[in-house]
């Protein structure tokens, strides 16, 4: 590597470190680490059953025991295949082979290569995904026909392939245009892409999987809009998602920004929950908006993407790594499998931290729901109903919750409501 190349690699590493520090600072300052003062006598002990019946707990634990091995196998297998394609010449040969019918042109290698890599990754884990769907059907959680399941898998893979192809096409173009400082431009582009994706998701991705229609006028609609008004959150509409085509699970969310913001409620929620519990769910989701969680998530996502891209600039300057992948330079389309592997590995490493922050943010949204509705009884009843219907293990293994748990457990949320009641008198 030339002196200029070494200087660029060191600069990329330095920028990655600075952005990483900025990310840690934002997470430390924006994450709510302490939500309630410790009451006299200490916090409420967590009941591992969350107040569910023995039959409900056994059913949830049985479901988790059937699904967790499949989830772990899919994760490990997907990463292993990505490593084989990215750290050996096999991936480079695949990229070259799929473009050969079109003359092996660079553009064909990039576009078709990304599509082939995404499809291979999905096909390898497809049998495990099918088994997981069988388990969901067996426990009554999934209502999808197999035709709809195949359609969902295909649409998801197509969206992933298109987005990934566009992003990596931009990266390889920047590498050719600015071979020394491409990573700096790519870091800015990656950050901007995260911001744009946050705005486009409710308009492009959501409608690809669910039909969404306005909730008919009535007392519930009026009450939900009133909740939004009391939270100071402008909402364009209250919508119903036809989730029952796919699942019996219960959920609701608030999506969009500004004029596109809307409350979306699963039709299963309308069918199974009383109004006060629906209001508790929506109040929780409004809490994310009030606390700026979407904007914070977008900011941390942008910083993380920029830091990761700068780190890739350093890693891809390492010639032995490129040669192991069967590529000659960072801008070589044959480096695509290596880039995808680095993305997958980086995402896996960051998962525990991301979920740690997510659990705290979800707990703060719970606090908003309790403060807004003032109804701890409805909150606790709703949490138990969600845990029972969604077959959530109320007290999963500590290691599993630490790594994969994006929300507090049902047991923790029920105990939190008790602490809130004591704190608010």
Protein backbone atom coordinates (compact mmCIF):
# COMPACT_ATOMS: atom_id res chain seq x y z
CA UNK A 1 0.00 0.00 0.00
CA UNK A 2 1.29 3.47 -0.86
CA UNK A 3 1.95 6.15 1.75
CA UNK A 4 -1.18 8.01 0.63
CA UNK A 5 -3.20 4.82 0.95
CA UNK A 6 -1.90 4.21 4.47
CA UNK A 7 -2.74 7.79 5.40
CA UNK A 8 -6.27 7.39 4.09
CA UNK A 9 -6.71 4.13 6.01
CA UNK A 10 -5.51 5.75 9.25
CA UNK A 11 -7.87 8.69 8.65
CA UNK A 12 -10.77 6.29 8.13
CA UNK A 13 -9.98 4.52 11.40
CA UNK A 14 -9.71 7.85 13.24
CA UNK A 15 -13.03 9.07 11.86
CA UNK A 16 -14.67 5.76 12.78
CA UNK A 17 -13.38 6.16 16.34
CA UNK A 18 -14.65 9.76 16.60
CA UNK A 19 -18.07 8.81 15.24
CA UNK A 20 -18.17 5.82 17.55
CA UNK A 21 -17.46 8.06 20.54
CA UNK A 22 -20.18 10.47 19.38
CA UNK A 23 -22.57 7.54 19.14
CA UNK A 24 -21.74 6.43 22.69
CA UNK A 25 -22.27 9.98 23.98
CA UNK A 26 -25.67 10.28 22.26
CA UNK A 27 -26.73 6.89 23.63
CA UNK A 28 -25.54 7.76 27.13
CA UNK A 29 -27.31 11.13 27.16
CA UNK A 30 -30.52 10.14 25.39
CA UNK A 31 -31.17 6.80 27.07
CA UNK A 32 -33.42 6.98 30.17
CA UNK A 33 -31.43 4.94 32.65
CA UNK A 34 -33.52 5.80 35.76
CA UNK A 35 -37.28 6.25 35.36
CA UNK A 36 -38.71 6.09 38.87
CA UNK A 37 -37.11 6.85 42.23
CA UNK A 38 -36.62 3.81 44.39
CA UNK A 39 -39.59 3.68 46.78
CA UNK A 40 -39.26 2.98 50.51
CA UNK A 41 -38.72 -0.72 50.90
CA UNK A 42 -37.23 -1.07 47.43
CA UNK A 43 -38.69 -1.80 44.03
CA UNK A 44 -41.44 -4.37 43.62
CA UNK A 45 -40.03 -7.90 43.32
CA UNK A 46 -40.54 -9.31 39.83
CA UNK A 47 -43.05 -12.16 39.74
CA UNK A 48 -41.69 -14.59 37.09
CA UNK A 49 -45.23 -15.51 36.05
CA UNK A 50 -46.35 -11.87 35.59
CA UNK A 51 -49.64 -12.97 37.11
CA UNK A 52 -50.42 -15.40 34.29
CA UNK A 53 -51.98 -18.77 35.01
CA UNK A 54 -49.79 -21.87 35.14
CA UNK A 55 -51.36 -23.05 31.89
CA UNK A 56 -50.56 -19.77 30.13
CA UNK A 57 -46.97 -19.79 31.37
CA UNK A 58 -46.46 -23.42 30.33
CA UNK A 59 -47.85 -22.69 26.86
CA UNK A 60 -45.59 -19.65 26.39
CA UNK A 61 -42.52 -21.54 27.60
CA UNK A 62 -43.35 -24.51 25.35
CA UNK A 63 -43.68 -22.19 22.36
CA UNK A 64 -40.37 -20.50 23.16
CA UNK A 65 -38.63 -23.85 23.60
CA UNK A 66 -39.82 -24.90 20.15
CA UNK A 67 -38.85 -21.64 18.45
CA UNK A 68 -35.60 -20.54 20.11
CA UNK A 69 -33.41 -23.30 18.64
CA UNK A 70 -34.72 -22.46 15.17
CA UNK A 71 -33.99 -18.76 15.70
CA UNK A 72 -30.44 -19.47 16.85
CA UNK A 73 -29.84 -21.94 14.03
CA UNK A 74 -31.07 -19.44 11.45
CA UNK A 75 -28.84 -16.72 12.90
CA UNK A 76 -25.72 -18.91 13.01
CA UNK A 77 -26.35 -20.49 9.61
CA UNK A 78 -27.00 -17.14 7.94
CA UNK A 79 -23.80 -15.67 9.38
CA UNK A 80 -21.81 -18.80 8.45
CA UNK A 81 -22.98 -18.66 4.83
CA UNK A 82 -22.20 -14.96 4.69
CA UNK A 83 -18.71 -15.69 6.06
CA UNK A 84 -18.09 -18.44 3.50
CA UNK A 85 -19.15 -16.16 0.65
CA UNK A 86 -17.33 -13.12 2.02
CA UNK A 87 -14.09 -14.62 3.27
CA UNK A 88 -13.42 -17.04 0.41
CA UNK A 89 -13.34 -16.60 -3.39
CA UNK A 90 -16.66 -18.46 -3.61
CA UNK A 91 -18.69 -15.26 -3.28
CA UNK A 92 -16.55 -13.48 -5.85
CA UNK A 93 -17.10 -16.34 -8.30
CA UNK A 94 -20.85 -16.12 -7.74
CA UNK A 95 -20.84 -12.38 -8.49
CA UNK A 96 -18.87 -13.00 -11.68
CA UNK A 97 -20.97 -15.97 -12.78
CA UNK A 98 -24.40 -14.28 -12.53
CA UNK A 99 -23.19 -11.35 -14.65
CA UNK A 100 -21.58 -13.52 -17.34
CA UNK A 101 -24.76 -13.90 -19.46
CA UNK A 102 -24.83 -10.08 -19.76
CA UNK A 103 -21.21 -9.85 -20.81
CA UNK A 104 -19.81 -9.63 -17.28
CA UNK A 105 -20.17 -5.87 -17.18
CA UNK A 106 -19.47 -4.05 -13.96
CA UNK A 107 -23.05 -2.80 -13.51
CA UNK A 108 -24.40 -6.33 -14.03
CA UNK A 109 -21.93 -7.72 -11.49
CA UNK A 110 -23.07 -5.20 -8.89
CA UNK A 111 -26.82 -5.43 -9.39
CA UNK A 112 -27.13 -9.13 -10.16
CA UNK A 113 -24.40 -10.01 -7.68
CA UNK A 114 -26.22 -8.35 -4.79
CA UNK A 115 -29.50 -9.99 -5.79
CA UNK A 116 -27.81 -13.41 -6.00
CA UNK A 117 -26.14 -12.99 -2.60
CA UNK A 118 -29.38 -11.90 -0.93
CA UNK A 119 -31.33 -14.75 -2.52
CA UNK A 120 -28.72 -17.35 -1.53
CA UNK A 121 -28.83 -16.11 2.05
CA UNK A 122 -32.63 -16.36 2.13
CA UNK A 123 -32.73 -19.79 0.48
CA UNK A 124 -30.26 -21.27 2.96
CA UNK A 125 -32.39 -20.25 5.94
CA UNK A 126 -35.73 -20.82 4.18
CA UNK A 127 -36.31 -24.33 5.60
CA UNK A 128 -35.76 -23.01 9.12
CA UNK A 129 -38.17 -20.17 8.42
CA UNK A 130 -40.74 -22.68 7.18
CA UNK A 131 -40.29 -24.75 10.35
CA UNK A 132 -40.77 -21.62 12.48
CA UNK A 133 -43.99 -20.90 10.57
CA UNK A 134 -45.16 -24.46 11.25
CA UNK A 135 -44.56 -23.86 14.98
CA UNK A 136 -46.51 -20.59 14.87
CA UNK A 137 -49.39 -22.36 13.13
CA UNK A 138 -49.28 -25.19 15.66
CA UNK A 139 -49.67 -22.74 18.54
CA UNK A 140 -52.31 -20.67 16.76
CA UNK A 141 -50.13 -17.55 16.45
CA UNK A 142 -49.95 -17.54 12.65
CA UNK A 143 -53.02 -17.40 10.41
CA UNK A 144 -51.13 -17.05 7.14
CA UNK A 145 -51.78 -19.43 4.28
CA UNK A 146 -48.62 -20.92 2.84
CA UNK A 147 -49.22 -18.93 -0.31
CA UNK A 148 -49.23 -15.72 1.68
CA UNK A 149 -46.13 -16.83 3.58
CA UNK A 150 -44.25 -17.43 0.32
CA UNK A 151 -45.46 -14.06 -0.97
CA UNK A 152 -44.22 -12.31 2.22
CA UNK A 153 -40.83 -14.01 2.01
CA UNK A 154 -40.48 -13.08 -1.67
CA UNK A 155 -41.52 -9.45 -1.13
CA UNK A 156 -39.19 -9.11 1.86
CA UNK A 157 -36.27 -10.57 -0.13
CA UNK A 158 -37.04 -8.32 -3.11
CA UNK A 159 -37.15 -5.17 -0.98
CA UNK A 160 -33.93 -6.16 0.77
CA UNK A 161 -32.20 -6.91 -2.55
CA UNK A 162 -33.27 -3.63 -4.16
CA UNK A 163 -32.29 -1.45 -1.19
CA UNK A 164 -28.97 -3.27 -0.73
CA UNK A 165 -28.19 -3.10 -4.46
CA UNK A 166 -28.86 0.64 -4.60
CA UNK A 167 -26.79 1.32 -1.49
CA UNK A 168 -23.81 -0.77 -2.61
CA UNK A 169 -23.96 0.60 -6.14
CA UNK A 170 -23.55 4.07 -4.63
CA UNK A 171 -20.65 2.89 -2.47
CA UNK A 172 -18.74 1.27 -5.34
CA UNK A 173 -19.36 4.33 -7.52
CA UNK A 174 -17.88 6.55 -4.78
CA UNK A 175 -14.87 4.24 -4.49
CA UNK A 176 -14.15 4.69 -8.20
CA UNK A 177 -14.71 8.46 -8.10
CA UNK A 178 -12.72 9.09 -4.91
CA UNK A 179 -10.46 6.06 -4.33
CA UNK A 180 -8.68 7.57 -1.32
CA UNK A 181 -11.48 9.33 0.53
CA UNK A 182 -14.49 7.34 -0.69
CA UNK A 183 -15.27 6.18 2.83
CA UNK A 184 -15.86 9.78 3.97
CA UNK A 185 -18.42 10.39 1.21
CA UNK A 186 -19.93 6.97 1.76
CA UNK A 187 -20.26 7.61 5.50
CA UNK A 188 -22.24 10.78 4.81
CA UNK A 189 -24.34 8.94 2.23
CA UNK A 190 -25.06 6.08 4.65
CA UNK A 191 -26.16 8.53 7.34
CA UNK A 192 -28.44 10.31 4.88
CA UNK A 193 -29.86 7.01 3.70
CA UNK A 194 -30.89 6.09 7.26
CA UNK A 195 -32.68 9.43 7.65
CA UNK A 196 -34.52 9.10 4.32
CA UNK A 197 -35.48 5.49 5.06
CA UNK A 198 -37.03 6.55 8.37
CA UNK A 199 -39.33 8.94 6.52
CA UNK A 200 -40.17 6.58 3.67
CA UNK A 201 -40.81 3.43 5.71
CA UNK A 202 -44.45 4.16 6.63
CA UNK A 203 -45.22 5.24 3.07
CA UNK A 204 -43.47 2.46 1.13
CA UNK A 205 -42.73 -0.59 3.28
CA UNK A 206 -45.83 -0.81 5.50
CA UNK A 207 -48.34 -0.92 2.60
CA UNK A 208 -46.35 -3.75 0.98
CA UNK A 209 -47.45 -6.17 3.71
CA UNK A 210 -50.72 -4.92 5.13
CA UNK A 211 -53.88 -3.20 3.95
CA UNK A 212 -54.51 -0.17 6.13
CA UNK A 213 -57.88 1.56 6.34
CA UNK A 214 -59.27 4.39 8.52
CA UNK A 215 -60.86 3.40 11.83
CA UNK A 216 -64.59 4.19 11.56
CA UNK A 217 -65.85 7.18 13.51
CA UNK A 218 -66.86 6.30 17.05
CA UNK A 219 -65.97 6.62 20.71
CA UNK A 220 -62.67 4.72 20.43
CA UNK A 221 -61.43 6.84 17.53
CA UNK A 222 -62.38 10.01 19.41
CA UNK A 223 -60.62 8.80 22.57
CA UNK A 224 -57.43 7.86 20.70
CA UNK A 225 -57.27 11.24 18.99
CA UNK A 226 -57.86 12.86 22.39
CA UNK A 227 -54.93 10.87 23.81
CA UNK A 228 -52.73 12.16 21.00
CA UNK A 229 -53.93 15.72 21.63
CA UNK A 230 -53.21 15.45 25.37
CA UNK A 231 -49.73 14.14 24.50
CA UNK A 232 -49.13 17.10 22.21
CA UNK A 233 -48.71 14.82 19.21
CA UNK A 234 -50.35 15.92 15.93
CA UNK A 235 -51.90 12.85 14.31
CA UNK A 236 -53.26 12.78 10.78
CA UNK A 237 -55.46 9.71 11.17
CA UNK A 238 -56.27 6.54 13.13
CA UNK A 239 -55.91 3.46 10.93
CA UNK A 240 -56.61 -0.25 11.18
CA UNK A 241 -54.17 -2.85 9.80
CA UNK A 242 -55.54 -6.17 8.55
CA UNK A 243 -52.97 -8.08 10.61
CA UNK A 244 -55.40 -10.95 11.20
CA UNK A 245 -54.55 -12.21 7.69
CA UNK A 246 -51.19 -13.18 9.11
CA UNK A 247 -51.35 -13.47 12.87
CA UNK A 248 -53.43 -13.52 16.03
CA UNK A 249 -50.82 -11.33 17.78
CA UNK A 250 -51.83 -7.98 19.29
CA UNK A 251 -50.04 -4.75 18.47
CA UNK A 252 -50.38 -1.07 17.62
CA UNK A 253 -47.90 1.62 16.65
CA UNK A 254 -47.48 5.25 15.66
CA UNK A 255 -45.60 5.83 12.43
CA UNK A 256 -44.65 8.69 10.14
CA UNK A 257 -43.49 12.25 10.68
CA UNK A 258 -45.41 15.50 10.64
CA UNK A 259 -48.23 15.32 8.12
CA UNK A 260 -47.76 11.56 7.62
CA UNK A 261 -48.00 10.61 11.30
CA UNK A 262 -50.79 8.17 12.09
CA UNK A 263 -51.89 5.75 14.78
CA UNK A 264 -52.13 2.21 13.42
CA UNK A 265 -54.00 -0.48 15.36
CA UNK A 266 -54.08 -4.18 14.49
CA UNK A 267 -57.59 -5.45 13.78
CA UNK A 268 -56.86 -8.24 16.27
CA UNK A 269 -56.55 -5.59 18.97
CA UNK A 270 -59.98 -4.19 18.12
CA UNK A 271 -61.48 -7.69 18.25
CA UNK A 272 -59.91 -8.85 21.52
CA UNK A 273 -59.17 -5.89 23.82
CA UNK A 274 -61.50 -3.53 25.67
CA UNK A 275 -61.16 0.17 24.85
CA UNK A 276 -59.22 1.09 27.99
CA UNK A 277 -56.51 -1.46 27.17
CA UNK A 278 -56.32 -0.27 23.56
CA UNK A 279 -55.87 3.25 24.87
CA UNK A 280 -53.04 2.03 27.12
CA UNK A 281 -51.24 0.47 24.13
CA UNK A 282 -51.66 3.60 22.02
CA UNK A 283 -50.55 5.81 24.93
CA UNK A 284 -47.35 3.75 25.08
CA UNK A 285 -46.76 4.28 21.36
CA UNK A 286 -47.45 8.01 21.68
CA UNK A 287 -44.78 8.05 24.38
CA UNK A 288 -42.18 7.20 21.75
CA UNK A 289 -43.18 10.29 19.78
CA UNK A 290 -43.32 12.58 22.83
CA UNK A 291 -39.84 11.51 23.91
CA UNK A 292 -38.40 11.81 20.40
CA UNK A 293 -37.47 8.15 20.28
CA UNK A 294 -37.88 7.90 16.50
CA UNK A 295 -35.68 10.94 15.92
CA UNK A 296 -33.14 9.68 18.44
CA UNK A 297 -33.17 6.27 16.78
CA UNK A 298 -32.65 7.91 13.41
CA UNK A 299 -29.75 9.96 14.78
CA UNK A 300 -28.05 6.98 16.41
CA UNK A 301 -28.71 4.88 13.30
CA UNK A 302 -27.14 7.57 11.12
CA UNK A 303 -24.10 7.86 13.40
CA UNK A 304 -23.77 4.09 13.57
CA UNK A 305 -24.00 3.75 9.78
CA UNK A 306 -21.42 6.47 9.26
CA UNK A 307 -19.05 4.98 11.85
CA UNK A 308 -19.42 1.50 10.34
CA UNK A 309 -18.78 2.83 6.83
CA UNK A 310 -15.62 4.60 7.97
CA UNK A 311 -14.52 1.38 9.67
CA UNK A 312 -15.11 -0.49 6.42
CA UNK A 313 -12.88 2.08 4.74
CA UNK A 314 -10.10 0.95 7.05
CA UNK A 315 -10.82 -2.78 6.75
CA UNK A 316 -11.11 -2.71 2.96
CA UNK A 317 -7.71 -1.08 2.72
CA UNK A 318 -6.21 -4.31 4.01
CA UNK A 319 -4.97 -6.11 0.91
CA UNK A 320 -4.76 -9.63 2.43
CA UNK A 321 -8.45 -9.43 3.39
CA UNK A 322 -9.43 -8.44 -0.15
CA UNK A 323 -7.32 -11.22 -1.64
CA UNK A 324 -8.92 -13.75 0.69
CA UNK A 325 -12.30 -12.62 -0.67
CA UNK A 326 -11.11 -12.94 -4.26
CA UNK A 327 -11.19 -9.18 -4.92
CA UNK A 328 -8.45 -6.91 -6.19
CA UNK A 329 -9.55 -3.57 -4.72
CA UNK A 330 -12.33 -2.07 -2.55
CA UNK A 331 -14.18 -0.92 -5.69
CA UNK A 332 -14.09 -4.37 -7.28
CA UNK A 333 -17.65 -5.81 -7.49
CA UNK A 334 -16.16 -9.09 -6.29
CA UNK A 335 -15.71 -7.39 -2.90
CA UNK A 336 -19.50 -7.26 -2.46
CA UNK A 337 -19.74 -10.56 -0.52
CA UNK A 338 -17.04 -9.32 1.87
CA UNK A 339 -18.91 -6.03 2.44
CA UNK A 340 -22.15 -7.89 3.14
CA UNK A 341 -20.38 -10.16 5.61
CA UNK A 342 -18.89 -7.17 7.42
CA UNK A 343 -22.36 -5.62 7.63
CA UNK A 344 -23.83 -8.83 9.05
CA UNK A 345 -21.04 -9.28 11.59
CA UNK A 346 -21.21 -5.64 12.67
CA UNK A 347 -24.96 -5.86 13.11
CA UNK A 348 -24.61 -8.96 15.27
CA UNK A 349 -21.98 -7.35 17.50
CA UNK A 350 -24.16 -4.28 18.00
CA UNK A 351 -27.34 -6.22 18.80
CA UNK A 352 -26.93 -6.46 22.62
CA UNK A 353 -26.20 -2.73 22.93
CA UNK A 354 -29.09 -1.84 20.66
CA UNK A 355 -31.47 -4.00 22.68
CA UNK A 356 -30.20 -2.66 26.01
CA UNK A 357 -31.07 0.86 24.86
CA UNK A 358 -34.36 -0.32 23.37
CA UNK A 359 -35.48 -1.88 26.67
CA UNK A 360 -34.90 1.39 28.51
CA UNK A 361 -36.73 3.38 25.85
CA UNK A 362 -39.67 0.98 25.92
CA UNK A 363 -39.84 1.31 29.70
CA UNK A 364 -39.99 5.10 29.35
CA UNK A 365 -42.87 4.72 26.89
CA UNK A 366 -44.60 2.53 29.51
CA UNK A 367 -44.16 5.37 31.99
CA UNK A 368 -45.78 7.78 29.53
CA UNK A 369 -48.72 5.42 29.08
CA UNK A 370 -49.26 5.18 32.83
CA UNK A 371 -48.95 8.94 33.34
CA UNK A 372 -51.22 9.74 30.41
CA UNK A 373 -54.02 7.30 31.20
CA UNK A 374 -53.57 7.13 34.98
CA UNK A 375 -54.85 3.56 34.73
CA UNK A 376 -52.34 1.03 36.07
CA UNK A 377 -55.01 -1.65 36.22
CA UNK A 378 -55.71 -1.42 32.48
CA UNK A 379 -51.96 -1.32 31.78
CA UNK A 380 -51.31 -4.50 33.78
CA UNK A 381 -54.31 -6.28 32.28
CA UNK A 382 -53.14 -5.29 28.79
CA UNK A 383 -49.60 -6.55 29.41
CA UNK A 384 -50.89 -9.89 30.63
CA UNK A 385 -53.25 -10.20 27.70
CA UNK A 386 -50.46 -9.36 25.24
CA UNK A 387 -48.12 -11.87 26.86
CA UNK A 388 -50.78 -14.59 26.76
CA UNK A 389 -51.98 -13.92 23.21
CA UNK A 390 -48.53 -13.27 21.70
CA UNK A 391 -47.09 -16.28 23.58
CA UNK A 392 -44.34 -14.16 25.11
CA UNK A 393 -42.29 -15.92 27.76
CA UNK A 394 -42.94 -13.74 30.84
CA UNK A 395 -39.52 -14.59 32.29
CA UNK A 396 -37.06 -15.72 29.56
CA UNK A 397 -33.50 -16.89 30.31
CA UNK A 398 -31.26 -14.00 31.34
CA UNK A 399 -28.76 -14.52 28.51
CA UNK A 400 -31.54 -14.65 25.92
CA UNK A 401 -33.18 -11.48 27.23
CA UNK A 402 -29.80 -9.71 27.39
CA UNK A 403 -29.00 -10.45 23.76
CA UNK A 404 -32.37 -10.61 22.01
CA UNK A 405 -34.80 -8.80 24.31
CA UNK A 406 -35.83 -5.50 22.72
CA UNK A 407 -38.57 -4.92 25.33
CA UNK A 408 -38.77 -5.46 29.08
CA UNK A 409 -40.34 -8.79 29.94
CA UNK A 410 -44.02 -8.96 30.85
CA UNK A 411 -43.00 -9.71 34.45
CA UNK A 412 -40.81 -6.61 34.57
CA UNK A 413 -43.54 -4.42 33.09
CA UNK A 414 -46.13 -5.57 35.61
CA UNK A 415 -43.69 -4.87 38.47
CA UNK A 416 -42.95 -1.45 36.95
CA UNK A 417 -46.67 -0.59 37.00
CA UNK A 418 -46.77 -1.53 40.69
CA UNK A 419 -43.82 0.79 41.38
CA UNK A 420 -45.55 3.56 39.41
CA UNK A 421 -48.70 3.15 41.48
CA UNK A 422 -46.68 3.41 44.72
CA UNK A 423 -44.73 6.40 43.44
CA UNK A 424 -47.84 8.29 42.27
CA UNK A 425 -49.83 7.37 45.32
